[in-house]
PDB file of N, CA and C in Angstrom:
ATOM      1  N   MET A   1     -14.218 -78.734-176.914  1.00  0.00           N
ATOM      2  CA  MET A   1     -14.501 -79.055-175.552  1.00  0.00           C
ATOM      3  C   MET A   1     -15.074 -80.455-175.500  1.00  0.00           C
ATOM      4  N   LYS A   2     -14.574 -81.269-174.623  1.00  0.00           N
ATOM      5  CA  LYS A   2     -15.091 -82.616-174.436  1.00  0.00           C
ATOM      6  C   LYS A   2     -15.780 -82.693-173.089  1.00  0.00           C
ATOM      7  N   ILE A   3     -16.964 -83.275-173.070  1.00  0.00           N
ATOM      8  CA  ILE A   3     -17.719 -83.419-171.838  1.00  0.00           C
ATOM      9  C   ILE A   3     -17.760 -84.892-171.480  1.00  0.00           C
ATOM     10  N   TYR A   4     -17.320 -85.196-170.273  1.00  0.00           N
ATOM     11  CA  TYR A   4     -17.365 -86.562-169.784  1.00  0.00           C
ATOM     12  C   TYR A   4     -18.347 -86.620-168.627  1.00  0.00           C
ATOM     13  N   CYS A   5     -19.298 -87.521-168.675  1.00  0.00           N
ATOM     14  CA  CYS A   5     -20.284 -87.672-167.611  1.00  0.00           C
ATOM     15  C   CYS A   5     -20.297 -89.123-167.145  1.00  0.00           C
ATOM     16  N   THR A   6     -20.253 -89.312-165.869  1.00  0.00           N
ATOM     17  CA  THR A   6     -20.444 -90.635-165.283  1.00  0.00           C
ATOM     18  C   THR A   6     -21.465 -90.482-164.173  1.00  0.00           C
ATOM     19  N   MET A   7     -21.860 -91.563-163.585  1.00  0.00           N
ATOM     20  CA  MET A   7     -22.827 -91.499-162.494  1.00  0.00           C
ATOM     21  C   MET A   7     -22.233 -90.787-161.281  1.00  0.00           C
ATOM     22  N   LEU A   8     -20.929 -90.838-161.088  1.00  0.00           N
ATOM     23  CA  LEU A   8     -20.307 -90.239-159.912  1.00  0.00           C
ATOM     24  C   LEU A   8     -19.964 -88.760-160.106  1.00  0.00           C
ATOM     25  N   ILE A   9     -19.681 -88.352-161.322  1.00  0.00           N
ATOM     26  CA  ILE A   9     -19.287 -86.978-161.590  1.00  0.00           C
ATOM     27  C   ILE A   9     -20.340 -86.334-162.475  1.00  0.00           C
ATOM     28  N   MET A  10     -21.024 -85.342-161.940  1.00  0.00           N
ATOM     29  CA  MET A  10     -22.045 -84.643-162.712  1.00  0.00           C
ATOM     30  C   MET A  10     -21.493 -83.290-163.139  1.00  0.00           C
ATOM     31  N   LEU A  11     -21.708 -82.944-164.370  1.00  0.00           N
ATOM     32  CA  LEU A  11     -21.247 -81.685-164.924  1.00  0.00           C
ATOM     33  C   LEU A  11     -22.097 -80.543-164.387  1.00  0.00           C
ATOM     34  N   ASP A  12     -21.452 -79.507-163.877  1.00  0.00           N
ATOM     35  CA  ASP A  12     -22.163 -78.310-163.437  1.00  0.00           C
ATOM     36  C   ASP A  12     -22.216 -77.361-164.623  1.00  0.00           C
ATOM     37  N   ILE A  13     -23.304 -77.413-165.375  1.00  0.00           N
ATOM     38  CA  ILE A  13     -23.408 -76.678-166.622  1.00  0.00           C
ATOM     39  C   ILE A  13     -23.324 -75.178-166.385  1.00  0.00           C
ATOM     40  N   LYS A  14     -23.861 -74.700-165.276  1.00  0.00           N
ATOM     41  CA  LYS A  14     -23.798 -73.275-164.965  1.00  0.00           C
ATOM     42  C   LYS A  14     -22.346 -72.828-164.853  1.00  0.00           C
ATOM     43  N   ALA A  15     -21.551 -73.574-164.102  1.00  0.00           N
ATOM     44  CA  ALA A  15     -20.141 -73.225-163.914  1.00  0.00           C
ATOM     45  C   ALA A  15     -19.378 -73.303-165.235  1.00  0.00           C
ATOM     46  N   GLU A  16     -19.684 -74.305-166.043  1.00  0.00           N
ATOM     47  CA  GLU A  16     -19.007 -74.461-167.329  1.00  0.00           C
ATOM     48  C   GLU A  16     -19.327 -73.299-168.274  1.00  0.00           C
ATOM     49  N   ILE A  17     -20.594 -72.958-168.382  1.00  0.00           N
ATOM     50  CA  ILE A  17     -20.988 -71.868-169.271  1.00  0.00           C
ATOM     51  C   ILE A  17     -20.367 -70.559-168.800  1.00  0.00           C
ATOM     52  N   LYS A  18     -20.459 -70.278-167.508  1.00  0.00           N
ATOM     53  CA  LYS A  18     -19.886 -69.037-166.974  1.00  0.00           C
ATOM     54  C   LYS A  18     -18.377 -68.988-167.185  1.00  0.00           C
ATOM     55  N   SER A  19     -17.714 -70.126-167.034  1.00  0.00           N
ATOM     56  CA  SER A  19     -16.274 -70.208-167.221  1.00  0.00           C
ATOM     57  C   SER A  19     -15.871 -69.883-168.657  1.00  0.00           C
ATOM     58  N   TYR A  20     -16.575 -70.476-169.616  1.00  0.00           N
ATOM     59  CA  TYR A  20     -16.257 -70.232-171.024  1.00  0.00           C
ATOM     60  C   TYR A  20     -16.629 -68.815-171.453  1.00  0.00           C
ATOM     61  N   ILE A  21     -17.682 -68.258-170.894  1.00  0.00           N
ATOM     62  CA  ILE A  21     -18.048 -66.870-171.183  1.00  0.00           C
ATOM     63  C   ILE A  21     -16.938 -65.941-170.680  1.00  0.00           C
ATOM     64  N   ALA A  22     -16.450 -66.201-169.473  1.00  0.00           N
ATOM     65  CA  ALA A  22     -15.365 -65.376-168.910  1.00  0.00           C
ATOM     66  C   ALA A  22     -14.085 -65.521-169.728  1.00  0.00           C
ATOM     67  N   ARG A  23     -13.767 -66.741-170.169  1.00  0.00           N
ATOM     68  CA  ARG A  23     -12.566 -66.959-170.992  1.00  0.00           C
ATOM     69  C   ARG A  23     -12.601 -66.137-172.274  1.00  0.00           C
ATOM     70  N   GLU A  24     -13.793 -65.940-172.795  1.00  0.00           N
ATOM     71  CA  GLU A  24     -13.938 -65.187-174.039  1.00  0.00           C
ATOM     72  C   GLU A  24     -14.078 -63.688-173.793  1.00  0.00           C
ATOM     73  N   GLY A  25     -14.033 -63.281-172.525  1.00  0.00           N
ATOM     74  CA  GLY A  25     -14.065 -61.869-172.183  1.00  0.00           C
ATOM     75  C   GLY A  25     -15.394 -61.194-172.481  1.00  0.00           C
ATOM     76  N   THR A  26     -16.469 -61.921-172.302  1.00  0.00           N
ATOM     77  CA  THR A  26     -17.794 -61.364-172.563  1.00  0.00           C
ATOM     78  C   THR A  26     -18.689 -61.619-171.353  1.00  0.00           C
ATOM     79  N   SER A  27     -19.955 -61.403-171.501  1.00  0.00           N
ATOM     80  CA  SER A  27     -20.895 -61.628-170.407  1.00  0.00           C
ATOM     81  C   SER A  27     -22.102 -62.405-170.930  1.00  0.00           C
ATOM     82  N   LEU A  28     -22.839 -62.987-170.005  1.00  0.00           N
ATOM     83  CA  LEU A  28     -24.050 -63.722-170.374  1.00  0.00           C
ATOM     84  C   LEU A  28     -25.050 -62.783-171.047  1.00  0.00           C
ATOM     85  N   ILE A  29     -25.120 -61.557-170.579  1.00  0.00           N
ATOM     86  CA  ILE A  29     -26.042 -60.580-171.170  1.00  0.00           C
ATOM     87  C   ILE A  29     -25.703 -60.353-172.644  1.00  0.00           C
ATOM     88  N   LYS A  30     -24.421 -60.136-172.931  1.00  0.00           N
ATOM     89  CA  LYS A  30     -24.001 -59.895-174.321  1.00  0.00           C
ATOM     90  C   LYS A  30     -24.257 -61.122-175.197  1.00  0.00           C
ATOM     91  N   VAL A  31     -23.939 -62.293-174.678  1.00  0.00           N
ATOM     92  CA  VAL A  31     -24.148 -63.529-175.430  1.00  0.00           C
ATOM     93  C   VAL A  31     -25.627 -63.720-175.742  1.00  0.00           C
ATOM     94  N   MET A  32     -26.475 -63.557-174.731  1.00  0.00           N
ATOM     95  CA  MET A  32     -27.907 -63.756-174.933  1.00  0.00           C
ATOM     96  C   MET A  32     -28.495 -62.704-175.872  1.00  0.00           C
ATOM     97  N   ASN A  33     -28.025 -61.464-175.771  1.00  0.00           N
ATOM     98  CA  ASN A  33     -28.503 -60.428-176.692  1.00  0.00           C
ATOM     99  C   ASN A  33     -28.175 -60.789-178.132  1.00  0.00           C
ATOM    100  N   GLU A  34     -26.961 -61.286-178.374  1.00  0.00           N
ATOM    101  CA  GLU A  34     -26.559 -61.692-179.723  1.00  0.00           C
ATOM    102  C   GLU A  34     -27.374 -62.885-180.211  1.00  0.00           C
ATOM    103  N   LEU A  35     -27.589 -63.861-179.345  1.00  0.00           N
ATOM    104  CA  LEU A  35     -28.368 -65.047-179.733  1.00  0.00           C
ATOM    105  C   LEU A  35     -29.826 -64.684-179.999  1.00  0.00           C
ATOM    106  N   ASN A  36     -30.355 -63.733-179.248  1.00  0.00           N
ATOM    107  CA  ASN A  36     -31.728 -63.275-179.497  1.00  0.00           C
ATOM    108  C   ASN A  36     -31.814 -62.527-180.821  1.00  0.00           C
ATOM    109  N   LYS A  37     -30.778 -61.732-181.163  1.00  0.00           N
ATOM    110  CA  LYS A  37     -30.756 -61.029-182.449  1.00  0.00           C
ATOM    111  C   LYS A  37     -30.750 -62.022-183.611  1.00  0.00           C
ATOM    112  N   LYS A  38     -29.983 -63.093-183.456  1.00  0.00           N
ATOM    113  CA  LYS A  38     -29.902 -64.137-184.491  1.00  0.00           C
ATOM    114  C   LYS A  38     -31.139 -65.033-184.479  1.00  0.00           C
ATOM    115  N   GLN A  39     -31.956 -64.881-183.462  1.00  0.00           N
ATOM    116  CA  GLN A  39     -33.141 -65.706-183.233  1.00  0.00           C
ATOM    117  C   GLN A  39     -32.789 -67.176-183.004  1.00  0.00           C
ATOM    118  N   ALA A  40     -31.589 -67.422-182.492  1.00  0.00           N
ATOM    119  CA  ALA A  40     -31.185 -68.785-182.157  1.00  0.00           C
ATOM    120  C   ALA A  40     -31.862 -69.223-180.860  1.00  0.00           C
ATOM    121  N   ILE A  41     -31.918 -68.311-179.911  1.00  0.00           N
ATOM    122  CA  ILE A  41     -32.591 -68.558-178.632  1.00  0.00           C
ATOM    123  C   ILE A  41     -33.558 -67.411-178.428  1.00  0.00           C
ATOM    124  N   LYS A  42     -34.777 -67.753-178.078  1.00  0.00           N
ATOM    125  CA  LYS A  42     -35.789 -66.718-177.862  1.00  0.00           C
ATOM    126  C   LYS A  42     -36.171 -66.682-176.386  1.00  0.00           C
ATOM    127  N   THR A  43     -35.219 -66.311-175.546  1.00  0.00           N
ATOM    128  CA  THR A  43     -35.465 -66.217-174.118  1.00  0.00           C
ATOM    129  C   THR A  43     -34.591 -65.113-173.542  1.00  0.00           C
ATOM    130  N   GLY A  44     -34.999 -64.591-172.420  1.00  0.00           N
ATOM    131  CA  GLY A  44     -34.266 -63.506-171.793  1.00  0.00           C
ATOM    132  C   GLY A  44     -33.103 -63.985-170.948  1.00  0.00           C
ATOM    133  N   VAL A  45     -32.269 -63.042-170.558  1.00  0.00           N
ATOM    134  CA  VAL A  45     -31.092 -63.347-169.747  1.00  0.00           C
ATOM    135  C   VAL A  45     -31.508 -63.918-168.393  1.00  0.00           C
ATOM    136  N   SER A  46     -32.499 -63.307-167.758  1.00  0.00           N
ATOM    137  CA  SER A  46     -32.912 -63.790-166.434  1.00  0.00           C
ATOM    138  C   SER A  46     -33.484 -65.203-166.518  1.00  0.00           C
ATOM    139  N   ASN A  47     -34.183 -65.513-167.609  1.00  0.00           N
ATOM    140  CA  ASN A  47     -34.760 -66.846-167.776  1.00  0.00           C
ATOM    141  C   ASN A  47     -33.660 -67.893-167.969  1.00  0.00           C
ATOM    142  N   ILE A  48     -32.681 -67.592-168.819  1.00  0.00           N
ATOM    143  CA  ILE A  48     -31.604 -68.565-169.064  1.00  0.00           C
ATOM    144  C   ILE A  48     -30.742 -68.723-167.816  1.00  0.00           C
ATOM    145  N   SER A  49     -30.551 -67.629-167.087  1.00  0.00           N
ATOM    146  CA  SER A  49     -29.789 -67.681-165.842  1.00  0.00           C
ATOM    147  C   SER A  49     -30.496 -68.567-164.816  1.00  0.00           C
ATOM    148  N   LEU A  50     -31.808 -68.429-164.720  1.00  0.00           N
ATOM    149  CA  LEU A  50     -32.592 -69.266-163.809  1.00  0.00           C
ATOM    150  C   LEU A  50     -32.534 -70.728-164.233  1.00  0.00           C
ATOM    151  N   LYS A  51     -32.614 -70.983-165.535  1.00  0.00           N
ATOM    152  CA  LYS A  51     -32.512 -72.359-166.038  1.00  0.00           C
ATOM    153  C   LYS A  51     -31.149 -72.966-165.685  1.00  0.00           C
ATOM    154  N   MET A  52     -30.081 -72.171-165.817  1.00  0.00           N
ATOM    155  CA  MET A  52     -28.754 -72.688-165.470  1.00  0.00           C
ATOM    156  C   MET A  52     -28.671 -72.975-163.976  1.00  0.00           C
ATOM    157  N   LYS A  53     -29.239 -72.082-163.165  1.00  0.00           N
ATOM    158  CA  LYS A  53     -29.224 -72.260-161.714  1.00  0.00           C
ATOM    159  C   LYS A  53     -29.970 -73.519-161.297  1.00  0.00           C
ATOM    160  N   LYS A  54     -31.141 -73.753-161.924  1.00  0.00           N
ATOM    161  CA  LYS A  54     -31.958 -74.927-161.602  1.00  0.00           C
ATOM    162  C   LYS A  54     -31.454 -76.206-162.267  1.00  0.00           C
ATOM    163  N   GLY A  55     -30.571 -76.061-163.269  1.00  0.00           N
ATOM    164  CA  GLY A  55     -30.094 -77.227-163.999  1.00  0.00           C
ATOM    165  C   GLY A  55     -31.079 -77.705-165.043  1.00  0.00           C
ATOM    166  N   THR A  56     -31.956 -76.807-165.511  1.00  0.00           N
ATOM    167  CA  THR A  56     -32.975 -77.195-166.486  1.00  0.00           C
ATOM    168  C   THR A  56     -32.707 -76.611-167.874  1.00  0.00           C
ATOM    169  N   ILE A  57     -31.524 -76.061-168.088  1.00  0.00           N
ATOM    170  CA  ILE A  57     -31.170 -75.550-169.409  1.00  0.00           C
ATOM    171  C   ILE A  57     -31.159 -76.725-170.383  1.00  0.00           C
ATOM    172  N   THR A  58     -31.691 -76.516-171.574  1.00  0.00           N
ATOM    173  CA  THR A  58     -31.742 -77.614-172.535  1.00  0.00           C
ATOM    174  C   THR A  58     -30.383 -77.788-173.219  1.00  0.00           C
ATOM    175  N   PHE A  59     -30.191 -78.960-173.776  1.00  0.00           N
ATOM    176  CA  PHE A  59     -28.966 -79.239-174.512  1.00  0.00           C
ATOM    177  C   PHE A  59     -28.820 -78.252-175.661  1.00  0.00           C
ATOM    178  N   ASN A  60     -29.913 -77.982-176.372  1.00  0.00           N
ATOM    179  CA  ASN A  60     -29.877 -77.048-177.503  1.00  0.00           C
ATOM    180  C   ASN A  60     -29.480 -75.649-177.064  1.00  0.00           C
ATOM    181  N   GLU A  61     -30.011 -75.190-175.943  1.00  0.00           N
ATOM    182  CA  GLU A  61     -29.658 -73.860-175.443  1.00  0.00           C
ATOM    183  C   GLU A  61     -28.178 -73.787-175.115  1.00  0.00           C
ATOM    184  N   ALA A  62     -27.666 -74.797-174.427  1.00  0.00           N
ATOM    185  CA  ALA A  62     -26.242 -74.840-174.096  1.00  0.00           C
ATOM    186  C   ALA A  62     -25.406 -74.903-175.371  1.00  0.00           C
ATOM    187  N   GLN A  63     -25.865 -75.688-176.320  1.00  0.00           N
ATOM    188  CA  GLN A  63     -25.152 -75.837-177.589  1.00  0.00           C
ATOM    189  C   GLN A  63     -25.080 -74.501-178.330  1.00  0.00           C
ATOM    190  N   TYR A  64     -26.164 -73.742-178.370  1.00  0.00           N
ATOM    191  CA  TYR A  64     -26.165 -72.429-179.017  1.00  0.00           C
ATOM    192  C   TYR A  64     -25.199 -71.470-178.325  1.00  0.00           C
ATOM    193  N   ILE A  65     -25.175 -71.507-177.002  1.00  0.00           N
ATOM    194  CA  ILE A  65     -24.271 -70.626-176.255  1.00  0.00           C
ATOM    195  C   ILE A  65     -22.825 -70.980-176.568  1.00  0.00           C
ATOM    196  N   PHE A  66     -22.476 -72.269-176.474  1.00  0.00           N
ATOM    197  CA  PHE A  66     -21.101 -72.681-176.759  1.00  0.00           C
ATOM    198  C   PHE A  66     -20.725 -72.411-178.216  1.00  0.00           C
ATOM    199  N   ASP A  67     -21.646 -72.629-179.137  1.00  0.00           N
ATOM    200  CA  ASP A  67     -21.385 -72.355-180.543  1.00  0.00           C
ATOM    201  C   ASP A  67     -21.097 -70.871-180.751  1.00  0.00           C
ATOM    202  N   HIS A  68     -21.873 -70.019-180.117  1.00  0.00           N
ATOM    203  CA  HIS A  68     -21.656 -68.577-180.222  1.00  0.00           C
ATOM    204  C   HIS A  68     -20.275 -68.185-179.702  1.00  0.00           C
ATOM    205  N   LEU A  69     -19.811 -68.901-178.674  1.00  0.00           N
ATOM    206  CA  LEU A  69     -18.494 -68.618-178.084  1.00  0.00           C
ATOM    207  C   LEU A  69     -17.350 -69.236-178.890  1.00  0.00           C
ATOM    208  N   GLY A  70     -17.698 -70.066-179.879  1.00  0.00           N
ATOM    209  CA  GLY A  70     -16.679 -70.689-180.714  1.00  0.00           C
ATOM    210  C   GLY A  70     -16.263 -72.079-180.275  1.00  0.00           C
ATOM    211  N   TYR A  71     -17.123 -72.746-179.503  1.00  0.00           N
ATOM    212  CA  TYR A  71     -16.835 -74.098-179.025  1.00  0.00           C
ATOM    213  C   TYR A  71     -17.921 -75.050-179.496  1.00  0.00           C
ATOM    214  N   LYS A  72     -17.603 -76.338-179.513  1.00  0.00           N
ATOM    215  CA  LYS A  72     -18.611 -77.341-179.804  1.00  0.00           C
ATOM    216  C   LYS A  72     -18.608 -78.374-178.692  1.00  0.00           C
ATOM    217  N   ILE A  73     -19.750 -78.935-178.448  1.00  0.00           N
ATOM    218  CA  ILE A  73     -19.893 -79.977-177.432  1.00  0.00           C
ATOM    219  C   ILE A  73     -19.657 -81.318-178.107  1.00  0.00           C
ATOM    220  N   THR A  74     -18.756 -82.091-177.563  1.00  0.00           N
ATOM    221  CA  THR A  74     -18.442 -83.409-178.100  1.00  0.00           C
ATOM    222  C   THR A  74     -18.739 -84.468-177.059  1.00  0.00           C
ATOM    223  N   ILE A  75     -19.461 -85.478-177.449  1.00  0.00           N
ATOM    224  CA  ILE A  75     -19.755 -86.596-176.543  1.00  0.00           C
ATOM    225  C   ILE A  75     -19.054 -87.820-177.102  1.00  0.00           C
ATOM    226  N   GLU A  76     -18.255 -88.447-176.258  1.00  0.00           N
ATOM    227  CA  GLU A  76     -17.486 -89.621-176.673  1.00  0.00           C
ATOM    228  C   GLU A  76     -17.804 -90.800-175.797  1.00  0.00           C
ATOM    229  N   ARG A  77     -17.711 -91.963-176.373  1.00  0.00           N
ATOM    230  CA  ARG A  77     -17.864 -93.195-175.617  1.00  0.00           C
ATOM    231  C   ARG A  77     -16.649 -93.379-174.719  1.00  0.00           C
ATOM    232  N   LYS A  78     -16.871 -93.902-173.529  1.00  0.00           N
ATOM    233  CA  LYS A  78     -15.775 -94.150-172.585  1.00  0.00           C
ATOM    234  C   LYS A  78     -14.810 -95.154-173.143  1.00  0.00           C
TER     235      LYS A  78
END
């Protein structure tokens, strides 16, 4: 997955995460339960959902979610 960000186009991380979770046929609850078992993320589903809604999810949290789904975040120079 490649993420492109400019001043005019802002990435909606909530929509992206939900989209990739749906593509993999799973749910945020299942993903978070697995990440909590692995101790990769130590937060609840409602907390991560609120962070996504507010746009305050950390890069590391998003990275763990995408990694669990089998994707990596790539940042490239324009």
